[in-house]
Each structure stands twice: as C-alpha cells, then as structure tokens.
C-alpha cells in the first residue's frame, strides 16, 4: 500500500446459498471468477478490502483465505475483515496470525451487527470492546515482526458526541492505523464539506478514510435511509432521477473531492459489483 492517497475497494468473498437452496459446487470456478473480477479493477485500487457480510442464509469463503488468494493471484494488497461477532478470542487470534503468516499487509477488525432471533447463528463477541480486539491484534502484529496495518470502523455521524469521539480515539490509541468511515460521504457538496469540517476540527482527518457509496436509484437511496438511518441530503434524490449513471458520476465526484480536500484516501463500496470501482475511480 503505497502513495499519498489510498483507494480501498470493498469486495465480497465467493459465497453460496443455504444448503437447501444451492449445492456448494464449482468452488474453484467461483474462486477463479472472483479473482478475475478483481483483476479487472486492480488498476484503480491500491488495496482490496475483502468484507465479511452478515447473511446467515449464505455460506462464504473465509475473508482471510479470499484475501490471500487475491494477493497471490494478482499481487494486489488485500485486507481481510475479521468480525468479533462470529469468533471467540482463540479463533480471532488464529485468523490474525494466519493473515500475518500469509504475508497480508492489512487487517480490518469490526464488531459486526448482531444476528437476530431465529437466524440460527450465535453471536460471540469474546472481547469487551472493539478497542480491546484492536489492542490484541496490535500485540500479535508486534510479536510477529510483520508489517501489517490495522483498520477499524468509525461512525462519522456520531462524532458530534463525546461518546462517538471517545470510541474513535480509543480505537486509534489501541493500535488502529486508520478508521474506515460510515455513513458514506454520499455527495461532493454539503456532505463532503460537513465531514471535512468535523474531522478537521477533531484532528482526525489524517486518520479517517471516508466511504464512497454507489446508489442505484431514488428507491435505493430511500431504502438506505430507512435501513441504516443515514442522513442523505435531498439533492441526492434529484441526482437519482437521472438513474444509476448520474449517481455513479456523483460518487466519482465525491471520491475526487476527498483527494482534493487532503484526505488520506477513499474507501469505495461496490455492493457485490466490483466493476463499479472503475466508474468511480477511473
């Protein structure tokens, strides 16, 4: 991961539906397809973040394995996500050590949204806080002697509260190199300026990498408002009337605006369609 501005592109590892819906066949072909889709966007990404999507109805390859596969096949820096929700302390330790042994130079640690009642999956959370998990990972990195950046999330909407600032700074002091932000910087105008002011005021601009998110249409914008509680300005609804092409253009302007405003990078969601990175970052 080199360069003054870091473009991180999020992708999902190969997955299958539940056992009753889809047999786990063609695993190697799915893996090859996954690698080839990432290879096509490699020129636009300094690093690939391999997400760990919460979906109890699907089974998926380990993000650590998928990240290693991408690094070996394409040479790209790949960052696996390790989730506190899904593994106890011993398994988290194993995942981190495996990533280090494989030579991966970045790890993203997240708390993870809880599974609901009836989903048939247990919530683990074998750390008191995400900061504790970050400190644990930092200790493993230092003991291993490997060079590896640690990433953690930050809720940028909560940085106007003392608790939100405390959480962000505790993750950094625990050993995170960068915080990847949500909600996204959805537009190149008021939202970008608001995030710039907030992070600059708190002295966090150099340690937080904002998110760029590709909406599909106005219905998708409203869905994200309701599902995630995101505050998305009305101007995005006007842009959305032009369809996905207009929204991708705005996402591209937002990414360029982050670079021009002196941020350390942009974290680009692709929502399972890696090819969108080309339209946003080209």
Foldseek 3Di string as FASTA:
>chain_A
DDDQAFEEEEAEADKDFAPVPDPPPPVVVSLVVVLVLCLVCVVQHQEYEHEDDDDLRMDGDAQLVSQLSNCVVRVHQYEYEDELFADAPVVLLVSLVSSVVSQRAEYEYEHDDHDDPPSPGGGHNNDPDSLRVLLVSQVVCVVVVHHHAYEYEAELVCLVDPVRLVVVVSNVVSGHQAYEYPPAQQFLPDSLVVSLVSCVVSVNQARYAGEQEQAFALVSVVVCCVPVVDDDDPVVNVQRVVGRLSSLVRSLSNQVSSVVSSGSYYYYYDPNNSVSSVSNRD
